[in-house]
Amino acid sequence: MAAKVFVGNLAFSTTRNDLEALFGEIGSIKDVFLPTERGTGRPRGFAFVEFESEDDAKKAIEKFDGHELGGRSLRVNAAEDRPRSPQGFGGDRPPYGGPPSGKPKGSRRNVRARKRSL
């Protein structure tokens, strides 16, 4: 089990300091990551808390899973590594979000023009 825990179902008003104070009761915290939405800057409703030891992470899961914070029941479990594609982006699409790499690029007019030039 990793020393990092996932904390879900957070209220949008929850801050990094709130999480540090709550999980600091268990043991020493290495890092707290509270992702925010790009456009609004509002928290996304979940966080990752990394502890110095795996024992502290296990204690946090046991103690705070179902704990109420900000009027919401927290979901706390071990953080899992998500598999990433080799490019760092999803699937077989290029990083800019264009068509999958197997399809020809360009409009039909450009495809016809290329055929004529051969």
PDB file of N, CA and C in Angstrom:
ATOM      1  N   MET A   1       0.841  -1.182   0.000  1.00  0.00           N
ATOM      2  CA  MET A   1       0.000   0.000   0.000  1.00  0.00           C
ATOM      3  C   MET A   1       0.887   1.247   0.000  1.00  0.00           C
ATOM      4  N   ALA A   2       0.523   2.218  -0.785  1.00  0.00           N
ATOM      5  CA  ALA A   2       1.296   3.448  -0.869  1.00  0.00           C
ATOM      6  C   ALA A   2       1.007   4.348   0.325  1.00  0.00           C
ATOM      7  N   ALA A   3       1.861   5.308   0.529  1.00  0.00           N
ATOM      8  CA  ALA A   3       1.690   6.255   1.613  1.00  0.00           C
ATOM      9  C   ALA A   3       0.814   7.426   1.176  1.00  0.00           C
ATOM     10  N   LYS A   4       0.195   7.320   0.004  1.00  0.00           N
ATOM     11  CA  LYS A   4      -0.669   8.382  -0.517  1.00  0.00           C
ATOM     12  C   LYS A   4      -2.106   7.904  -0.462  1.00  0.00           C
ATOM     13  N   VAL A   5      -3.000   8.779   0.009  1.00  0.00           N
ATOM     14  CA  VAL A   5      -4.418   8.438   0.085  1.00  0.00           C
ATOM     15  C   VAL A   5      -5.231   9.405  -0.766  1.00  0.00           C
ATOM     16  N   PHE A   6      -6.323   8.891  -1.299  1.00  0.00           N
ATOM     17  CA  PHE A   6      -7.278   9.677  -2.067  1.00  0.00           C
ATOM     18  C   PHE A   6      -8.386  10.111  -1.119  1.00  0.00           C
ATOM     19  N   VAL A   7      -8.737  11.383  -1.159  1.00  0.00           N
ATOM     20  CA  VAL A   7      -9.812  11.913  -0.330  1.00  0.00           C
ATOM     21  C   VAL A   7     -10.869  12.464  -1.273  1.00  0.00           C
ATOM     22  N   GLY A   8     -12.033  11.822  -1.302  1.00  0.00           N
ATOM     23  CA  GLY A   8     -13.092  12.224  -2.214  1.00  0.00           C
ATOM     24  C   GLY A   8     -14.296  12.783  -1.487  1.00  0.00           C
ATOM     25  N   ASN A   9     -15.217  13.349  -2.257  1.00  0.00           N
ATOM     26  CA  ASN A   9     -16.463  13.942  -1.759  1.00  0.00           C
ATOM     27  C   ASN A   9     -16.200  15.145  -0.867  1.00  0.00           C
ATOM     28  N   LEU A  10     -15.198  15.945  -1.236  1.00  0.00           N
ATOM     29  CA  LEU A  10     -14.889  17.161  -0.480  1.00  0.00           C
ATOM     30  C   LEU A  10     -15.849  18.285  -0.864  1.00  0.00           C
ATOM     31  N   ALA A  11     -16.151  19.113   0.105  1.00  0.00           N
ATOM     32  CA  ALA A  11     -16.922  20.325  -0.188  1.00  0.00           C
ATOM     33  C   ALA A  11     -16.013  21.268  -0.982  1.00  0.00           C
ATOM     34  N   PHE A  12     -16.589  22.054  -1.866  1.00  0.00           N
ATOM     35  CA  PHE A  12     -15.788  22.963  -2.685  1.00  0.00           C
ATOM     36  C   PHE A  12     -15.138  24.064  -1.860  1.00  0.00           C
ATOM     37  N   SER A  13     -15.599  24.276  -0.647  1.00  0.00           N
ATOM     38  CA  SER A  13     -15.018  25.296   0.217  1.00  0.00           C
ATOM     39  C   SER A  13     -13.828  24.770   1.023  1.00  0.00           C
ATOM     40  N   THR A  14     -13.515  23.477   0.915  1.00  0.00           N
ATOM     41  CA  THR A  14     -12.410  22.888   1.661  1.00  0.00           C
ATOM     42  C   THR A  14     -11.081  23.399   1.122  1.00  0.00           C
ATOM     43  N   THR A  15     -10.197  23.783   2.043  1.00  0.00           N
ATOM     44  CA  THR A  15      -8.891  24.303   1.648  1.00  0.00           C
ATOM     45  C   THR A  15      -7.793  23.310   1.993  1.00  0.00           C
ATOM     46  N   ARG A  16      -6.630  23.604   1.490  1.00  0.00           N
ATOM     47  CA  ARG A  16      -5.452  22.784   1.775  1.00  0.00           C
ATOM     48  C   ARG A  16      -5.156  22.781   3.271  1.00  0.00           C
ATOM     49  N   ASN A  17      -5.312  23.925   3.918  1.00  0.00           N
ATOM     50  CA  ASN A  17      -5.060  24.027   5.362  1.00  0.00           C
ATOM     51  C   ASN A  17      -6.038  23.164   6.163  1.00  0.00           C
ATOM     52  N   ASP A  18      -7.290  23.100   5.711  1.00  0.00           N
ATOM     53  CA  ASP A  18      -8.276  22.242   6.379  1.00  0.00           C
ATOM     54  C   ASP A  18      -7.828  20.783   6.348  1.00  0.00           C
ATOM     55  N   LEU A  19      -7.356  20.341   5.189  1.00  0.00           N
ATOM     56  CA  LEU A  19      -6.916  18.960   5.043  1.00  0.00           C
ATOM     57  C   LEU A  19      -5.650  18.677   5.850  1.00  0.00           C
ATOM     58  N   GLU A  20      -4.722  19.642   5.849  1.00  0.00           N
ATOM     59  CA  GLU A  20      -3.498  19.470   6.629  1.00  0.00           C
ATOM     60  C   GLU A  20      -3.809  19.363   8.114  1.00  0.00           C
ATOM     61  N   ALA A  21      -4.744  20.180   8.589  1.00  0.00           N
ATOM     62  CA  ALA A  21      -5.112  20.143  10.006  1.00  0.00           C
ATOM     63  C   ALA A  21      -5.804  18.826  10.361  1.00  0.00           C
ATOM     64  N   LEU A  22      -6.705  18.364   9.497  1.00  0.00           N
ATOM     65  CA  LEU A  22      -7.439  17.134   9.771  1.00  0.00           C
ATOM     66  C   LEU A  22      -6.519  15.918   9.740  1.00  0.00           C
ATOM     67  N   PHE A  23      -5.776  15.747   8.668  1.00  0.00           N
ATOM     68  CA  PHE A  23      -4.933  14.567   8.528  1.00  0.00           C
ATOM     69  C   PHE A  23      -3.644  14.670   9.332  1.00  0.00           C
ATOM     70  N   GLY A  24      -3.304  15.864   9.783  1.00  0.00           N
ATOM     71  CA  GLY A  24      -2.141  16.040  10.646  1.00  0.00           C
ATOM     72  C   GLY A  24      -2.328  15.380  12.002  1.00  0.00           C
ATOM     73  N   GLU A  25      -3.582  15.097  12.365  1.00  0.00           N
ATOM     74  CA  GLU A  25      -3.852  14.397  13.625  1.00  0.00           C
ATOM     75  C   GLU A  25      -3.283  12.979  13.608  1.00  0.00           C
ATOM     76  N   ILE A  26      -3.163  12.395  12.432  1.00  0.00           N
ATOM     77  CA  ILE A  26      -2.696  11.015  12.293  1.00  0.00           C
ATOM     78  C   ILE A  26      -1.175  10.940  12.379  1.00  0.00           C
ATOM     79  N   GLY A  27      -0.498  11.773  11.628  1.00  0.00           N
ATOM     80  CA  GLY A  27       0.966  11.743  11.589  1.00  0.00           C
ATOM     81  C   GLY A  27       1.495  12.848  10.698  1.00  0.00           C
ATOM     82  N   SER A  28       2.789  12.760  10.401  1.00  0.00           N
ATOM     83  CA  SER A  28       3.403  13.823   9.600  1.00  0.00           C
ATOM     84  C   SER A  28       3.019  13.669   8.125  1.00  0.00           C
ATOM     85  N   ILE A  29       2.653  14.791   7.533  1.00  0.00           N
ATOM     86  CA  ILE A  29       2.193  14.832   6.146  1.00  0.00           C
ATOM     87  C   ILE A  29       3.341  15.313   5.275  1.00  0.00           C
ATOM     88  N   LYS A  30       3.526  14.618   4.169  1.00  0.00           N
ATOM     89  CA  LYS A  30       4.563  14.993   3.213  1.00  0.00           C
ATOM     90  C   LYS A  30       4.044  16.044   2.236  1.00  0.00           C
ATOM     91  N   ASP A  31       2.821  15.823   1.710  1.00  0.00           N
ATOM     92  CA  ASP A  31       2.272  16.739   0.712  1.00  0.00           C
ATOM     93  C   ASP A  31       0.751  16.607   0.662  1.00  0.00           C
ATOM     94  N   VAL A  32       0.082  17.706   0.314  1.00  0.00           N
ATOM     95  CA  VAL A  32      -1.365  17.714   0.063  1.00  0.00           C
ATOM     96  C   VAL A  32      -1.564  18.328  -1.313  1.00  0.00           C
ATOM     97  N   PHE A  33      -2.232  17.575  -2.195  1.00  0.00           N
ATOM     98  CA  PHE A  33      -2.512  18.057  -3.552  1.00  0.00           C
ATOM     99  C   PHE A  33      -4.010  18.205  -3.705  1.00  0.00           C
ATOM    100  N   LEU A  34      -4.458  19.435  -3.907  1.00  0.00           N
ATOM    101  CA  LEU A  34      -5.877  19.757  -4.057  1.00  0.00           C
ATOM    102  C   LEU A  34      -6.058  20.346  -5.453  1.00  0.00           C
ATOM    103  N   PRO A  35      -6.406  19.520  -6.460  1.00  0.00           N
ATOM    104  CA  PRO A  35      -6.519  20.020  -7.836  1.00  0.00           C
ATOM    105  C   PRO A  35      -7.683  20.992  -8.003  1.00  0.00           C
ATOM    106  N   THR A  36      -7.482  21.950  -8.902  1.00  0.00           N
ATOM    107  CA  THR A  36      -8.522  22.941  -9.194  1.00  0.00           C
ATOM    108  C   THR A  36      -8.840  22.900 -10.687  1.00  0.00           C
ATOM    109  N   GLU A  37     -10.028  23.379 -11.026  1.00  0.00           N
ATOM    110  CA  GLU A  37     -10.425  23.448 -12.429  1.00  0.00           C
ATOM    111  C   GLU A  37      -9.668  24.592 -13.098  1.00  0.00           C
ATOM    112  N   ARG A  38      -9.283  24.380 -14.338  1.00  0.00           N
ATOM    113  CA  ARG A  38      -8.480  25.381 -15.043  1.00  0.00           C
ATOM    114  C   ARG A  38      -9.233  26.693 -15.257  1.00  0.00           C
ATOM    115  N   GLY A  39     -10.447  26.594 -15.715  1.00  0.00           N
ATOM    116  CA  GLY A  39     -11.198  27.789 -16.073  1.00  0.00           C
ATOM    117  C   GLY A  39     -11.649  28.620 -14.891  1.00  0.00           C
ATOM    118  N   THR A  40     -12.144  27.968 -13.849  1.00  0.00           N
ATOM    119  CA  THR A  40     -12.743  28.693 -12.733  1.00  0.00           C
ATOM    120  C   THR A  40     -11.816  28.830 -11.530  1.00  0.00           C
ATOM    121  N   GLY A  41     -10.835  27.938 -11.400  1.00  0.00           N
ATOM    122  CA  GLY A  41      -9.959  27.964 -10.236  1.00  0.00           C
ATOM    123  C   GLY A  41     -10.600  27.345  -9.002  1.00  0.00           C
ATOM    124  N   ARG A  42     -11.795  26.787  -9.177  1.00  0.00           N
ATOM    125  CA  ARG A  42     -12.530  26.177  -8.076  1.00  0.00           C
ATOM    126  C   ARG A  42     -12.001  24.766  -7.829  1.00  0.00           C
ATOM    127  N   PRO A  43     -11.909  24.340  -6.565  1.00  0.00           N
ATOM    128  CA  PRO A  43     -11.464  22.956  -6.288  1.00  0.00           C
ATOM    129  C   PRO A  43     -12.380  21.946  -6.959  1.00  0.00           C
ATOM    130  N   ARG A  44     -11.822  20.776  -7.307  1.00  0.00           N
ATOM    131  CA  ARG A  44     -12.570  19.766  -8.054  1.00  0.00           C
ATOM    132  C   ARG A  44     -13.314  18.783  -7.158  1.00  0.00           C
ATOM    133  N   GLY A  45     -13.165  18.883  -5.844  1.00  0.00           N
ATOM    134  CA  GLY A  45     -13.936  18.027  -4.947  1.00  0.00           C
ATOM    135  C   GLY A  45     -13.196  16.797  -4.466  1.00  0.00           C
ATOM    136  N   PHE A  46     -11.894  16.718  -4.756  1.00  0.00           N
ATOM    137  CA  PHE A  46     -11.097  15.614  -4.240  1.00  0.00           C
ATOM    138  C   PHE A  46      -9.679  16.102  -3.998  1.00  0.00           C
ATOM    139  N   ALA A  47      -8.903  15.286  -3.289  1.00  0.00           N
ATOM    140  CA  ALA A  47      -7.517  15.653  -2.972  1.00  0.00           C
ATOM    141  C   ALA A  47      -6.696  14.388  -2.778  1.00  0.00           C
ATOM    142  N   PHE A  48      -5.389  14.562  -2.771  1.00  0.00           N
ATOM    143  CA  PHE A  48      -4.459  13.491  -2.446  1.00  0.00           C
ATOM    144  C   PHE A  48      -3.605  13.956  -1.280  1.00  0.00           C
ATOM    145  N   VAL A  49      -3.493  13.110  -0.265  1.00  0.00           N
ATOM    146  CA  VAL A  49      -2.673  13.419   0.906  1.00  0.00           C
ATOM    147  C   VAL A  49      -1.589  12.358   0.979  1.00  0.00           C
ATOM    148  N   GLU A  50      -0.333  12.816   1.007  1.00  0.00           N
ATOM    149  CA  GLU A  50       0.789  11.889   1.074  1.00  0.00           C
ATOM    150  C   GLU A  50       1.411  11.963   2.468  1.00  0.00           C
ATOM    151  N   PHE A  51       1.546  10.806   3.093  1.00  0.00           N
ATOM    152  CA  PHE A  51       2.106  10.709   4.434  1.00  0.00           C
ATOM    153  C   PHE A  51       3.562  10.261   4.370  1.00  0.00           C
ATOM    154  N   GLU A  52       4.280  10.477   5.470  1.00  0.00           N
ATOM    155  CA  GLU A  52       5.672  10.043   5.568  1.00  0.00           C
ATOM    156  C   GLU A  52       5.770   8.525   5.626  1.00  0.00           C
ATOM    157  N   SER A  53       4.797   7.862   6.258  1.00  0.00           N
ATOM    158  CA  SER A  53       4.865   6.406   6.401  1.00  0.00           C
ATOM    159  C   SER A  53       3.561   5.746   5.939  1.00  0.00           C
ATOM    160  N   GLU A  54       3.669   4.487   5.568  1.00  0.00           N
ATOM    161  CA  GLU A  54       2.500   3.734   5.134  1.00  0.00           C
ATOM    162  C   GLU A  54       1.550   3.459   6.292  1.00  0.00           C
ATOM    163  N   ASP A  55       2.100   3.306   7.493  1.00  0.00           N
ATOM    164  CA  ASP A  55       1.254   3.066   8.667  1.00  0.00           C
ATOM    165  C   ASP A  55       0.310   4.241   8.918  1.00  0.00           C
ATOM    166  N   ASP A  56       0.838   5.460   8.749  1.00  0.00           N
ATOM    167  CA  ASP A  56      -0.009   6.642   8.930  1.00  0.00           C
ATOM    168  C   ASP A  56      -1.120   6.682   7.884  1.00  0.00           C
ATOM    169  N   ALA A  57      -0.795   6.286   6.650  1.00  0.00           N
ATOM    170  CA  ALA A  57      -1.811   6.265   5.582  1.00  0.00           C
ATOM    171  C   ALA A  57      -2.911   5.261   5.922  1.00  0.00           C
ATOM    172  N   LYS A  58      -2.532   4.093   6.423  1.00  0.00           N
ATOM    173  CA  LYS A  58      -3.522   3.088   6.805  1.00  0.00           C
ATOM    174  C   LYS A  58      -4.415   3.596   7.937  1.00  0.00           C
ATOM    175  N   LYS A  59      -3.807   4.262   8.917  1.00  0.00           N
ATOM    176  CA  LYS A  59      -4.583   4.816  10.036  1.00  0.00           C
ATOM    177  C   LYS A  59      -5.565   5.882   9.546  1.00  0.00           C
ATOM    178  N   ALA A  60      -5.115   6.712   8.606  1.00  0.00           N
ATOM    179  CA  ALA A  60      -5.984   7.770   8.067  1.00  0.00           C
ATOM    180  C   ALA A  60      -7.183   7.169   7.343  1.00  0.00           C
ATOM    181  N   ILE A  61      -6.955   6.093   6.595  1.00  0.00           N
ATOM    182  CA  ILE A  61      -8.060   5.443   5.877  1.00  0.00           C
ATOM    183  C   ILE A  61      -9.068   4.889   6.876  1.00  0.00           C
ATOM    184  N   GLU A  62      -8.575   4.233   7.918  1.00  0.00           N
ATOM    185  CA  GLU A  62      -9.464   3.646   8.921  1.00  0.00           C
ATOM    186  C   GLU A  62     -10.241   4.713   9.693  1.00  0.00           C
ATOM    187  N   LYS A  63      -9.550   5.803  10.041  1.00  0.00           N
ATOM    188  CA  LYS A  63     -10.188   6.812  10.886  1.00  0.00           C
ATOM    189  C   LYS A  63     -11.115   7.756  10.120  1.00  0.00           C
ATOM    190  N   PHE A  64     -10.716   8.175   8.919  1.00  0.00           N
ATOM    191  CA  PHE A  64     -11.438   9.252   8.236  1.00  0.00           C
ATOM    192  C   PHE A  64     -12.358   8.803   7.109  1.00  0.00           C
ATOM    193  N   ASP A  65     -12.395   7.520   6.757  1.00  0.00           N
ATOM    194  CA  ASP A  65     -13.347   7.082   5.746  1.00  0.00           C
ATOM    195  C   ASP A  65     -14.752   7.163   6.355  1.00  0.00           C
ATOM    196  N   GLY A  66     -15.585   8.020   5.801  1.00  0.00           N
ATOM    197  CA  GLY A  66     -16.925   8.240   6.334  1.00  0.00           C
ATOM    198  C   GLY A  66     -17.000   9.414   7.302  1.00  0.00           C
ATOM    199  N   HIS A  67     -15.854  10.018   7.633  1.00  0.00           N
ATOM    200  CA  HIS A  67     -15.809  11.165   8.531  1.00  0.00           C
ATOM    201  C   HIS A  67     -16.489  12.367   7.864  1.00  0.00           C
ATOM    202  N   GLU A  68     -17.193  13.176   8.643  1.00  0.00           N
ATOM    203  CA  GLU A  68     -17.889  14.326   8.076  1.00  0.00           C
ATOM    204  C   GLU A  68     -17.013  15.574   8.167  1.00  0.00           C
ATOM    205  N   LEU A  69     -16.844  16.240   7.025  1.00  0.00           N
ATOM    206  CA  LEU A  69     -16.077  17.489   6.949  1.00  0.00           C
ATOM    207  C   LEU A  69     -16.834  18.448   6.046  1.00  0.00           C
ATOM    208  N   GLY A  70     -17.177  19.601   6.570  1.00  0.00           N
ATOM    209  CA  GLY A  70     -17.904  20.591   5.782  1.00  0.00           C
ATOM    210  C   GLY A  70     -19.287  20.121   5.367  1.00  0.00           C
ATOM    211  N   GLY A  71     -19.916  19.275   6.191  1.00  0.00           N
ATOM    212  CA  GLY A  71     -21.255  18.795   5.894  1.00  0.00           C
ATOM    213  C   GLY A  71     -21.298  17.646   4.896  1.00  0.00           C
ATOM    214  N   ARG A  72     -20.132  17.092   4.549  1.00  0.00           N
ATOM    215  CA  ARG A  72     -20.092  15.983   3.588  1.00  0.00           C
ATOM    216  C   ARG A  72     -19.310  14.820   4.181  1.00  0.00           C
ATOM    217  N   SER A  73     -19.742  13.621   3.852  1.00  0.00           N
ATOM    218  CA  SER A  73     -19.088  12.407   4.321  1.00  0.00           C
ATOM    219  C   SER A  73     -17.902  12.091   3.406  1.00  0.00           C
ATOM    220  N   LEU A  74     -16.688  12.104   3.955  1.00  0.00           N
ATOM    221  CA  LEU A  74     -15.488  11.890   3.159  1.00  0.00           C
ATOM    222  C   LEU A  74     -15.353  10.444   2.714  1.00  0.00           C
ATOM    223  N   ARG A  75     -14.765  10.268   1.555  1.00  0.00           N
ATOM    224  CA  ARG A  75     -14.387   8.942   1.072  1.00  0.00           C
ATOM    225  C   ARG A  75     -12.864   8.908   1.028  1.00  0.00           C
ATOM    226  N   VAL A  76     -12.263   8.082   1.856  1.00  0.00           N
ATOM    227  CA  VAL A  76     -10.808   8.023   1.955  1.00  0.00           C
ATOM    228  C   VAL A  76     -10.363   6.596   1.658  1.00  0.00           C
ATOM    229  N   ASN A  77      -9.484   6.454   0.665  1.00  0.00           N
ATOM    230  CA  ASN A  77      -8.915   5.142   0.364  1.00  0.00           C
ATOM    231  C   ASN A  77      -7.518   5.307  -0.227  1.00  0.00           C
ATOM    232  N   ALA A  78      -6.832   4.197  -0.428  1.00  0.00           N
ATOM    233  CA  ALA A  78      -5.475   4.236  -0.965  1.00  0.00           C
ATOM    234  C   ALA A  78      -5.496   4.784  -2.389  1.00  0.00           C
ATOM    235  N   ALA A  79      -4.565   5.672  -2.687  1.00  0.00           N
ATOM    236  CA  ALA A  79      -4.474   6.235  -4.030  1.00  0.00           C
ATOM    237  C   ALA A  79      -3.878   5.193  -4.960  1.00  0.00           C
ATOM    238  N   GLU A  80      -4.428   5.098  -6.168  1.00  0.00           N
ATOM    239  CA  GLU A  80      -3.945   4.147  -7.161  1.00  0.00           C
ATOM    240  C   GLU A  80      -3.304   4.908  -8.305  1.00  0.00           C
ATOM    241  N   ASP A  81      -2.212   4.368  -8.828  1.00  0.00           N
ATOM    242  CA  ASP A  81      -1.567   4.979  -9.987  1.00  0.00           C
ATOM    243  C   ASP A  81      -2.377   4.682 -11.226  1.00  0.00           C
ATOM    244  N   ARG A  82      -2.699   5.734 -11.977  1.00  0.00           N
ATOM    245  CA  ARG A  82      -3.423   5.550 -13.234  1.00  0.00           C
ATOM    246  C   ARG A  82      -2.425   5.262 -14.332  1.00  0.00           C
ATOM    247  N   PRO A  83      -2.722   4.264 -15.159  1.00  0.00           N
ATOM    248  CA  PRO A  83      -1.810   4.008 -16.281  1.00  0.00           C
ATOM    249  C   PRO A  83      -1.887   5.145 -17.286  1.00  0.00           C
ATOM    250  N   ARG A  84      -0.757   5.558 -17.783  1.00  0.00           N
ATOM    251  CA  ARG A  84      -0.686   6.644 -18.769  1.00  0.00           C
ATOM    252  C   ARG A  84      -0.249   6.082 -20.109  1.00  0.00           C
ATOM    253  N   SER A  85      -0.684   6.724 -21.179  1.00  0.00           N
ATOM    254  CA  SER A  85      -0.223   6.314 -22.499  1.00  0.00           C
ATOM    255  C   SER A  85       1.202   6.833 -22.680  1.00  0.00           C
ATOM    256  N   PRO A  86       1.956   6.294 -23.641  1.00  0.00           N
ATOM    257  CA  PRO A  86       3.344   6.726 -23.820  1.00  0.00           C
ATOM    258  C   PRO A  86       3.477   8.214 -24.101  1.00  0.00           C
ATOM    259  N   GLN A  87       2.497   8.808 -24.774  1.00  0.00           N
ATOM    260  CA  GLN A  87       2.562  10.232 -25.077  1.00  0.00           C
ATOM    261  C   GLN A  87       2.203  11.088 -23.870  1.00  0.00           C
ATOM    262  N   GLY A  88       1.588  10.497 -22.863  1.00  0.00           N
ATOM    263  CA  GLY A  88       1.118  11.270 -21.730  1.00  0.00           C
ATOM    264  C   GLY A  88      -0.300  11.774 -21.933  1.00  0.00           C
ATOM    265  N   PHE A  89      -0.914  11.428 -23.051  1.00  0.00           N
ATOM    266  CA  PHE A  89      -2.270  11.848 -23.347  1.00  0.00           C
ATOM    267  C   PHE A  89      -3.119  10.612 -23.564  1.00  0.00           C
ATOM    268  N   GLY A  90      -4.404  10.761 -23.689  1.00  0.00           N
ATOM    269  CA  GLY A  90      -5.293   9.615 -23.795  1.00  0.00           C
ATOM    270  C   GLY A  90      -5.304   8.974 -25.162  1.00  0.00           C
ATOM    271  N   GLY A  91      -5.346   7.663 -25.199  1.00  0.00           N
ATOM    272  CA  GLY A  91      -5.569   6.890 -26.407  1.00  0.00           C
ATOM    273  C   GLY A  91      -4.544   7.083 -27.503  1.00  0.00           C
ATOM    274  N   ASP A  92      -5.005   6.967 -28.758  1.00  0.00           N
ATOM    275  CA  ASP A  92      -4.095   7.102 -29.891  1.00  0.00           C
ATOM    276  C   ASP A  92      -4.210   8.477 -30.541  1.00  0.00           C
ATOM    277  N   ARG A  93      -4.800   9.411 -29.853  1.00  0.00           N
ATOM    278  CA  ARG A  93      -4.949  10.758 -30.408  1.00  0.00           C
ATOM    279  C   ARG A  93      -3.674  11.573 -30.172  1.00  0.00           C
ATOM    280  N   PRO A  94      -3.321  12.441 -31.099  1.00  0.00           N
ATOM    281  CA  PRO A  94      -2.173  13.321 -30.878  1.00  0.00           C
ATOM    282  C   PRO A  94      -2.476  14.314 -29.760  1.00  0.00           C
ATOM    283  N   PRO A  95      -1.464  14.948 -29.191  1.00  0.00           N
ATOM    284  CA  PRO A  95      -1.676  15.809 -28.028  1.00  0.00           C
ATOM    285  C   PRO A  95      -2.595  16.998 -28.255  1.00  0.00           C
ATOM    286  N   TYR A  96      -2.772  17.458 -29.493  1.00  0.00           N
ATOM    287  CA  TYR A  96      -3.631  18.609 -29.745  1.00  0.00           C
ATOM    288  C   TYR A  96      -5.084  18.236 -29.929  1.00  0.00           C
ATOM    289  N   GLY A  97      -5.439  16.956 -29.842  1.00  0.00           N
ATOM    290  CA  GLY A  97      -6.825  16.534 -29.902  1.00  0.00           C
ATOM    291  C   GLY A  97      -7.362  16.339 -31.300  1.00  0.00           C
ATOM    292  N   GLY A  98      -6.505  16.176 -32.278  1.00  0.00           N
ATOM    293  CA  GLY A  98      -6.937  15.972 -33.655  1.00  0.00           C
ATOM    294  C   GLY A  98      -7.455  14.562 -33.871  1.00  0.00           C
ATOM    295  N   PRO A  99      -7.600  14.168 -35.121  1.00  0.00           N
ATOM    296  CA  PRO A  99      -8.132  12.829 -35.414  1.00  0.00           C
ATOM    297  C   PRO A  99      -7.133  11.746 -35.009  1.00  0.00           C
ATOM    298  N   PRO A 100      -7.606  10.527 -34.793  1.00  0.00           N
ATOM    299  CA  PRO A 100      -6.684   9.433 -34.475  1.00  0.00           C
ATOM    300  C   PRO A 100      -5.642   9.276 -35.573  1.00  0.00           C
ATOM    301  N   SER A 101      -4.489   8.761 -35.204  1.00  0.00           N
ATOM    302  CA  SER A 101      -3.347   8.721 -36.114  1.00  0.00           C
ATOM    303  C   SER A 101      -3.572   7.858 -37.355  1.00  0.00           C
ATOM    304  N   GLY A 102      -4.562   6.963 -37.381  1.00  0.00           N
ATOM    305  CA  GLY A 102      -4.779   6.087 -38.525  1.00  0.00           C
ATOM    306  C   GLY A 102      -5.527   6.734 -39.672  1.00  0.00           C
ATOM    307  N   LYS A 103      -6.212   7.841 -39.447  1.00  0.00           N
ATOM    308  CA  LYS A 103      -7.034   8.461 -40.480  1.00  0.00           C
ATOM    309  C   LYS A 103      -6.240   9.538 -41.224  1.00  0.00           C
ATOM    310  N   PRO A 104      -6.555   9.764 -42.507  1.00  0.00           N
ATOM    311  CA  PRO A 104      -5.883  10.843 -43.235  1.00  0.00           C
ATOM    312  C   PRO A 104      -6.328  12.203 -42.681  1.00  0.00           C
ATOM    313  N   LYS A 105      -5.409  13.143 -42.731  1.00  0.00           N
ATOM    314  CA  LYS A 105      -5.711  14.472 -42.211  1.00  0.00           C
ATOM    315  C   LYS A 105      -6.056  15.403 -43.361  1.00  0.00           C
ATOM    316  N   GLY A 106      -6.895  16.376 -43.120  1.00  0.00           N
ATOM    317  CA  GLY A 106      -7.254  17.356 -44.124  1.00  0.00           C
ATOM    318  C   GLY A 106      -8.663  17.159 -44.644  1.00  0.00           C
ATOM    319  N   SER A 107      -9.150  18.152 -45.353  1.00  0.00           N
ATOM    320  CA  SER A 107     -10.500  18.081 -45.898  1.00  0.00           C
ATOM    321  C   SER A 107     -10.520  17.214 -47.154  1.00  0.00           C
ATOM    322  N   ARG A 108     -11.722  16.913 -47.640  1.00  0.00           N
ATOM    323  CA  ARG A 108     -11.842  16.112 -48.866  1.00  0.00           C
ATOM    324  C   ARG A 108     -11.210  16.843 -50.041  1.00  0.00           C
ATOM    325  N   ARG A 109     -11.329  18.155 -50.078  1.00  0.00           N
ATOM    326  CA  ARG A 109     -10.757  18.925 -51.177  1.00  0.00           C
ATOM    327  C   ARG A 109      -9.241  18.740 -51.214  1.00  0.00           C
ATOM    328  N   ASN A 110      -8.597  18.790 -50.060  1.00  0.00           N
ATOM    329  CA  ASN A 110      -7.156  18.611 -50.010  1.00  0.00           C
ATOM    330  C   ASN A 110      -6.758  17.206 -50.416  1.00  0.00           C
ATOM    331  N   VAL A 111      -7.545  16.215 -50.040  1.00  0.00           N
ATOM    332  CA  VAL A 111      -7.251  14.828 -50.417  1.00  0.00           C
ATOM    333  C   VAL A 111      -7.350  14.671 -51.921  1.00  0.00           C
ATOM    334  N   ARG A 112      -8.396  15.245 -52.535  1.00  0.00           N
ATOM    335  CA  ARG A 112      -8.557  15.167 -53.995  1.00  0.00           C
ATOM    336  C   ARG A 112      -7.401  15.882 -54.706  1.00  0.00           C
ATOM    337  N   ALA A 113      -7.013  17.026 -54.197  1.00  0.00           N
ATOM    338  CA  ALA A 113      -5.923  17.781 -54.819  1.00  0.00           C
ATOM    339  C   ALA A 113      -4.623  16.987 -54.773  1.00  0.00           C
ATOM    340  N   ARG A 114      -4.387  16.307 -53.666  1.00  0.00           N
ATOM    341  CA  ARG A 114      -3.170  15.505 -53.562  1.00  0.00           C
ATOM    342  C   ARG A 114      -3.203  14.346 -54.555  1.00  0.00           C
ATOM    343  N   LYS A 115      -4.386  13.754 -54.769  1.00  0.00           N
ATOM    344  CA  LYS A 115      -4.491  12.640 -55.725  1.00  0.00           C
ATOM    345  C   LYS A 115      -4.218  13.148 -57.150  1.00  0.00           C
ATOM    346  N   ARG A 116      -4.736  14.339 -57.479  1.00  0.00           N
ATOM    347  CA  ARG A 116      -4.534  14.889 -58.820  1.00  0.00           C
ATOM    348  C   ARG A 116      -3.070  15.196 -59.098  1.00  0.00           C
ATOM    349  N   SER A 117      -2.357  15.626 -58.072  1.00  0.00           N
ATOM    350  CA  SER A 117      -0.963  16.011 -58.272  1.00  0.00           C
ATOM    351  C   SER A 117      -0.040  14.811 -58.479  1.00  0.00           C
ATOM    352  N   LEU A 118      -0.523  13.616 -58.226  1.00  0.00           N
ATOM    353  CA  LEU A 118       0.315  12.421 -58.403  1.00  0.00           C
ATOM    354  C   LEU A 118       0.440  12.068 -59.805  1.00  0.00           C
TER     355      LEU A 118
END
